[in-house]
Amino acid sequence: MAFDEAVAERVRKALAGSPDVVEKRMFGGIAFMVRGNMCCGVIGDRLMLRVGPGGYEAALSRPHAKPMDFTGRPMKGFVYVEPKGFASAGDLKAWIARATGFALSLPPK
């Protein structure tokens, strides 16, 4: 599955200034690693976020968020956000901040 390059570019801009950001192709899309830990990505036109087990339920309570079920089974701590959920720059920034906060809470790899 390809990823939406326009969404990926928006994510790149939102991550500007975050430490040690590296892009990797995975899950049929693109993932953004922060200090070696997966932070977020783009799969198709959806945003994929690693929010961690502690932030999972809160993230799912947000509009347009749903469990990441890439393998057919939900991956606890990861969510998809449909395009309507990050249409505004403010919404995208808030989602990226949530995922970046979790990635930065982990030891660097």
N, C-alpha and C. Protein backbone atom coordinates (compact mmCIF):
# COMPACT_ATOMS: atom_id res chain seq x y z
N MET A 1 0.85 -1.18 0.00
CA MET A 1 0.00 0.00 0.00
C MET A 1 0.89 1.24 0.00
N ALA A 2 0.56 2.17 -0.84
CA ALA A 2 1.32 3.42 -0.90
C ALA A 2 0.85 4.36 0.20
N PHE A 3 1.61 5.42 0.39
CA PHE A 3 1.23 6.41 1.38
C PHE A 3 1.06 7.76 0.69
N ASP A 4 0.24 8.59 1.29
CA ASP A 4 -0.05 9.91 0.76
C ASP A 4 1.14 10.83 1.07
N GLU A 5 1.86 11.22 0.03
CA GLU A 5 3.06 12.04 0.20
C GLU A 5 2.72 13.41 0.79
N ALA A 6 1.56 13.96 0.48
CA ALA A 6 1.17 15.26 1.05
C ALA A 6 0.99 15.16 2.56
N VAL A 7 0.41 14.07 3.03
CA VAL A 7 0.25 13.85 4.47
C VAL A 7 1.63 13.67 5.10
N ALA A 8 2.49 12.88 4.45
CA ALA A 8 3.85 12.67 4.97
C ALA A 8 4.60 13.99 5.09
N GLU A 9 4.44 14.88 4.14
CA GLU A 9 5.11 16.18 4.20
C GLU A 9 4.57 17.02 5.36
N ARG A 10 3.29 16.95 5.60
CA ARG A 10 2.72 17.66 6.76
C ARG A 10 3.30 17.12 8.06
N VAL A 11 3.47 15.80 8.13
CA VAL A 11 4.05 15.19 9.32
C VAL A 11 5.51 15.63 9.48
N ARG A 12 6.25 15.64 8.38
CA ARG A 12 7.65 16.11 8.43
C ARG A 12 7.73 17.51 9.03
N LYS A 13 6.87 18.38 8.57
CA LYS A 13 6.87 19.76 9.08
C LYS A 13 6.49 19.80 10.56
N ALA A 14 5.53 18.97 10.95
CA ALA A 14 5.11 18.94 12.36
C ALA A 14 6.21 18.40 13.26
N LEU A 15 7.06 17.53 12.72
CA LEU A 15 8.16 16.95 13.49
C LEU A 15 9.42 17.80 13.48
N ALA A 16 9.42 18.85 12.69
CA ALA A 16 10.61 19.71 12.62
C ALA A 16 10.97 20.19 14.03
N GLY A 17 12.21 20.04 14.39
CA GLY A 17 12.65 20.43 15.72
C GLY A 17 12.67 19.30 16.73
N SER A 18 12.03 18.18 16.39
CA SER A 18 12.09 17.02 17.28
C SER A 18 13.47 16.37 17.14
N PRO A 19 13.99 15.81 18.22
CA PRO A 19 15.34 15.26 18.16
C PRO A 19 15.44 13.94 17.39
N ASP A 20 16.48 13.83 16.59
CA ASP A 20 16.84 12.56 15.95
C ASP A 20 15.68 11.89 15.22
N VAL A 21 15.06 12.58 14.28
CA VAL A 21 13.96 12.01 13.50
C VAL A 21 14.55 11.30 12.28
N VAL A 22 14.12 10.06 12.07
CA VAL A 22 14.55 9.26 10.93
C VAL A 22 13.30 8.68 10.29
N GLU A 23 13.25 8.69 8.97
CA GLU A 23 12.13 8.10 8.23
C GLU A 23 12.50 6.69 7.79
N LYS A 24 11.53 5.78 7.90
CA LYS A 24 11.73 4.40 7.44
C LYS A 24 10.45 3.92 6.76
N ARG A 25 10.63 3.20 5.69
CA ARG A 25 9.48 2.58 5.04
C ARG A 25 9.12 1.32 5.81
N MET A 26 7.88 1.24 6.24
CA MET A 26 7.39 0.03 6.91
C MET A 26 5.87 0.04 6.92
N PHE A 27 5.29 -1.10 7.18
CA PHE A 27 3.83 -1.28 7.19
C PHE A 27 3.20 -0.88 5.86
N GLY A 28 3.96 -0.88 4.78
CA GLY A 28 3.43 -0.46 3.49
C GLY A 28 3.29 1.04 3.38
N GLY A 29 3.85 1.76 4.32
CA GLY A 29 3.79 3.22 4.33
C GLY A 29 5.13 3.78 4.76
N ILE A 30 5.08 4.86 5.48
CA ILE A 30 6.30 5.47 5.99
C ILE A 30 6.14 5.70 7.48
N ALA A 31 7.19 5.41 8.22
CA ALA A 31 7.19 5.61 9.67
C ALA A 31 8.25 6.63 10.03
N PHE A 32 8.00 7.36 11.09
CA PHE A 32 8.94 8.36 11.59
C PHE A 32 9.39 7.90 12.97
N MET A 33 10.71 7.73 13.09
CA MET A 33 11.32 7.29 14.33
C MET A 33 11.89 8.52 15.04
N VAL A 34 11.73 8.58 16.34
CA VAL A 34 12.29 9.65 17.16
C VAL A 34 13.23 9.00 18.16
N ARG A 35 14.49 9.34 18.09
CA ARG A 35 15.54 8.74 18.93
C ARG A 35 15.52 7.22 18.83
N GLY A 36 15.22 6.72 17.63
CA GLY A 36 15.23 5.28 17.39
C GLY A 36 13.94 4.56 17.73
N ASN A 37 12.96 5.25 18.29
CA ASN A 37 11.67 4.66 18.65
C ASN A 37 10.60 5.10 17.67
N MET A 38 9.75 4.15 17.27
CA MET A 38 8.67 4.52 16.37
C MET A 38 7.77 5.56 17.05
N CYS A 39 7.44 6.58 16.30
CA CYS A 39 6.61 7.67 16.81
C CYS A 39 5.27 7.72 16.07
N CYS A 40 5.36 7.84 14.76
CA CYS A 40 4.14 7.99 13.96
C CYS A 40 4.45 7.59 12.53
N GLY A 41 3.43 7.63 11.69
CA GLY A 41 3.63 7.30 10.29
C GLY A 41 2.41 7.61 9.47
N VAL A 42 2.51 7.29 8.21
CA VAL A 42 1.41 7.49 7.27
C VAL A 42 1.23 6.19 6.51
N ILE A 43 0.01 5.68 6.54
CA ILE A 43 -0.35 4.48 5.81
C ILE A 43 -1.57 4.84 4.98
N GLY A 44 -1.41 4.82 3.67
CA GLY A 44 -2.46 5.33 2.80
C GLY A 44 -2.62 6.81 3.06
N ASP A 45 -3.83 7.22 3.40
CA ASP A 45 -4.05 8.63 3.75
C ASP A 45 -4.30 8.82 5.25
N ARG A 46 -4.08 7.73 6.00
CA ARG A 46 -4.30 7.78 7.45
C ARG A 46 -3.00 8.03 8.21
N LEU A 47 -3.16 8.67 9.34
CA LEU A 47 -2.06 8.87 10.26
C LEU A 47 -2.01 7.67 11.19
N MET A 48 -0.82 7.16 11.43
CA MET A 48 -0.62 6.07 12.38
C MET A 48 0.21 6.65 13.51
N LEU A 49 -0.23 6.44 14.74
CA LEU A 49 0.45 7.02 15.89
C LEU A 49 0.71 5.97 16.95
N ARG A 50 1.89 6.05 17.53
CA ARG A 50 2.22 5.21 18.68
C ARG A 50 2.00 6.09 19.92
N VAL A 51 0.95 5.79 20.64
CA VAL A 51 0.60 6.60 21.81
C VAL A 51 0.91 5.87 23.11
N GLY A 52 1.27 4.60 23.03
CA GLY A 52 1.59 3.81 24.20
C GLY A 52 0.37 3.26 24.90
N PRO A 53 0.57 2.24 25.72
CA PRO A 53 -0.56 1.62 26.42
C PRO A 53 -1.31 2.61 27.32
N GLY A 54 -0.58 3.51 27.98
CA GLY A 54 -1.22 4.46 28.88
C GLY A 54 -2.03 5.53 28.18
N GLY A 55 -1.72 5.82 26.93
CA GLY A 55 -2.45 6.84 26.19
C GLY A 55 -3.43 6.29 25.18
N TYR A 56 -3.53 4.97 25.14
CA TYR A 56 -4.34 4.30 24.12
C TYR A 56 -5.83 4.64 24.21
N GLU A 57 -6.43 4.43 25.35
CA GLU A 57 -7.87 4.68 25.50
C GLU A 57 -8.21 6.16 25.28
N ALA A 58 -7.38 7.05 25.80
CA ALA A 58 -7.63 8.49 25.61
C ALA A 58 -7.56 8.85 24.13
N ALA A 59 -6.59 8.28 23.42
CA ALA A 59 -6.49 8.56 21.99
C ALA A 59 -7.70 8.04 21.24
N LEU A 60 -8.16 6.85 21.61
CA LEU A 60 -9.33 6.28 20.93
C LEU A 60 -10.61 7.07 21.21
N SER A 61 -10.64 7.83 22.28
CA SER A 61 -11.83 8.62 22.59
C SER A 61 -11.94 9.87 21.71
N ARG A 62 -10.89 10.20 20.98
CA ARG A 62 -10.87 11.37 20.12
C ARG A 62 -11.61 11.07 18.82
N PRO A 63 -12.24 12.08 18.23
CA PRO A 63 -12.94 11.86 16.95
C PRO A 63 -11.99 11.35 15.85
N HIS A 64 -12.49 10.44 15.06
CA HIS A 64 -11.82 9.90 13.88
C HIS A 64 -10.63 9.00 14.19
N ALA A 65 -10.44 8.60 15.45
CA ALA A 65 -9.37 7.69 15.83
C ALA A 65 -9.95 6.29 15.99
N LYS A 66 -9.15 5.30 15.62
CA LYS A 66 -9.58 3.91 15.79
C LYS A 66 -8.36 3.03 16.01
N PRO A 67 -8.57 1.84 16.51
CA PRO A 67 -7.43 0.96 16.76
C PRO A 67 -6.66 0.65 15.48
N MET A 68 -5.36 0.58 15.59
CA MET A 68 -4.54 0.15 14.46
C MET A 68 -4.64 -1.36 14.40
N ASP A 69 -5.19 -1.86 13.32
CA ASP A 69 -5.41 -3.29 13.18
C ASP A 69 -4.74 -3.80 11.90
N PHE A 70 -3.53 -3.39 11.70
CA PHE A 70 -2.77 -3.71 10.49
C PHE A 70 -2.74 -5.21 10.22
N THR A 71 -2.61 -6.02 11.25
CA THR A 71 -2.51 -7.47 11.09
C THR A 71 -3.86 -8.16 11.22
N GLY A 72 -4.94 -7.38 11.38
CA GLY A 72 -6.25 -7.96 11.60
C GLY A 72 -6.60 -8.01 13.08
N ARG A 73 -5.60 -7.75 13.92
CA ARG A 73 -5.82 -7.69 15.37
C ARG A 73 -5.33 -6.32 15.84
N PRO A 74 -6.08 -5.65 16.69
CA PRO A 74 -5.64 -4.33 17.17
C PRO A 74 -4.30 -4.40 17.88
N MET A 75 -3.47 -3.42 17.62
CA MET A 75 -2.16 -3.31 18.28
C MET A 75 -2.30 -2.29 19.40
N LYS A 76 -2.31 -2.77 20.62
CA LYS A 76 -2.47 -1.89 21.79
C LYS A 76 -1.34 -0.85 21.82
N GLY A 77 -1.75 0.39 21.98
CA GLY A 77 -0.77 1.47 22.02
C GLY A 77 -0.59 2.18 20.70
N PHE A 78 -1.21 1.66 19.63
CA PHE A 78 -1.14 2.27 18.31
C PHE A 78 -2.54 2.59 17.81
N VAL A 79 -2.70 3.75 17.19
CA VAL A 79 -4.00 4.13 16.64
C VAL A 79 -3.84 4.65 15.21
N TYR A 80 -4.92 4.52 14.46
CA TYR A 80 -5.05 5.19 13.17
C TYR A 80 -5.92 6.41 13.40
N VAL A 81 -5.65 7.47 12.65
CA VAL A 81 -6.52 8.64 12.65
C VAL A 81 -6.89 8.91 11.19
N GLU A 82 -8.18 8.96 10.94
CA GLU A 82 -8.67 9.24 9.59
C GLU A 82 -8.37 10.70 9.23
N PRO A 83 -8.28 11.02 7.93
CA PRO A 83 -7.91 12.38 7.51
C PRO A 83 -8.74 13.50 8.15
N LYS A 84 -10.00 13.29 8.39
CA LYS A 84 -10.82 14.34 9.03
C LYS A 84 -10.31 14.67 10.43
N GLY A 85 -9.66 13.73 11.07
CA GLY A 85 -9.17 13.94 12.43
C GLY A 85 -7.91 14.79 12.52
N PHE A 86 -7.25 15.02 11.39
CA PHE A 86 -6.06 15.86 11.40
C PHE A 86 -6.07 16.85 10.23
N ALA A 87 -7.28 17.24 9.83
CA ALA A 87 -7.42 18.15 8.70
C ALA A 87 -6.81 19.52 8.99
N SER A 88 -6.96 19.99 10.22
CA SER A 88 -6.38 21.30 10.56
C SER A 88 -4.95 21.12 11.04
N ALA A 89 -4.15 22.17 10.89
CA ALA A 89 -2.77 22.14 11.36
C ALA A 89 -2.72 21.92 12.87
N GLY A 90 -3.66 22.51 13.60
CA GLY A 90 -3.70 22.36 15.05
C GLY A 90 -3.98 20.93 15.47
N ASP A 91 -4.91 20.28 14.79
CA ASP A 91 -5.22 18.88 15.11
C ASP A 91 -4.02 17.98 14.81
N LEU A 92 -3.36 18.20 13.66
CA LEU A 92 -2.19 17.39 13.34
C LEU A 92 -1.10 17.61 14.38
N LYS A 93 -0.87 18.85 14.74
CA LYS A 93 0.17 19.16 15.73
C LYS A 93 -0.12 18.46 17.06
N ALA A 94 -1.38 18.46 17.48
CA ALA A 94 -1.75 17.82 18.74
C ALA A 94 -1.51 16.31 18.69
N TRP A 95 -1.86 15.67 17.58
CA TRP A 95 -1.63 14.24 17.45
C TRP A 95 -0.14 13.92 17.44
N ILE A 96 0.63 14.71 16.70
CA ILE A 96 2.07 14.47 16.63
C ILE A 96 2.71 14.69 18.00
N ALA A 97 2.26 15.70 18.73
CA ALA A 97 2.79 15.96 20.07
C ALA A 97 2.51 14.78 21.00
N ARG A 98 1.34 14.19 20.87
CA ARG A 98 0.98 13.03 21.70
C ARG A 98 1.94 11.87 21.41
N ALA A 99 2.18 11.58 20.14
CA ALA A 99 3.05 10.47 19.76
C ALA A 99 4.52 10.78 20.08
N THR A 100 4.93 12.00 19.85
CA THR A 100 6.31 12.39 20.14
C THR A 100 6.58 12.30 21.65
N GLY A 101 5.62 12.74 22.43
CA GLY A 101 5.76 12.65 23.88
C GLY A 101 5.99 11.22 24.33
N PHE A 102 5.25 10.29 23.75
CA PHE A 102 5.45 8.89 24.12
C PHE A 102 6.82 8.40 23.66
N ALA A 103 7.20 8.69 22.41
CA ALA A 103 8.49 8.24 21.90
C ALA A 103 9.65 8.79 22.75
N LEU A 104 9.53 10.02 23.17
CA LEU A 104 10.59 10.63 23.99
C LEU A 104 10.62 10.08 25.42
N SER A 105 9.54 9.42 25.83
CA SER A 105 9.52 8.83 27.18
C SER A 105 10.28 7.50 27.23
N LEU A 106 10.61 6.97 26.06
CA LEU A 106 11.31 5.69 25.97
C LEU A 106 12.83 5.93 25.90
N PRO A 107 13.60 4.95 26.33
CA PRO A 107 15.06 5.11 26.21
C PRO A 107 15.44 5.16 24.72
N PRO A 108 16.44 5.96 24.39
CA PRO A 108 16.90 5.99 22.99
C PRO A 108 17.43 4.63 22.56
N LYS A 109 17.26 4.33 21.29
CA LYS A 109 17.80 3.05 20.74
C LYS A 109 19.05 3.36 19.94
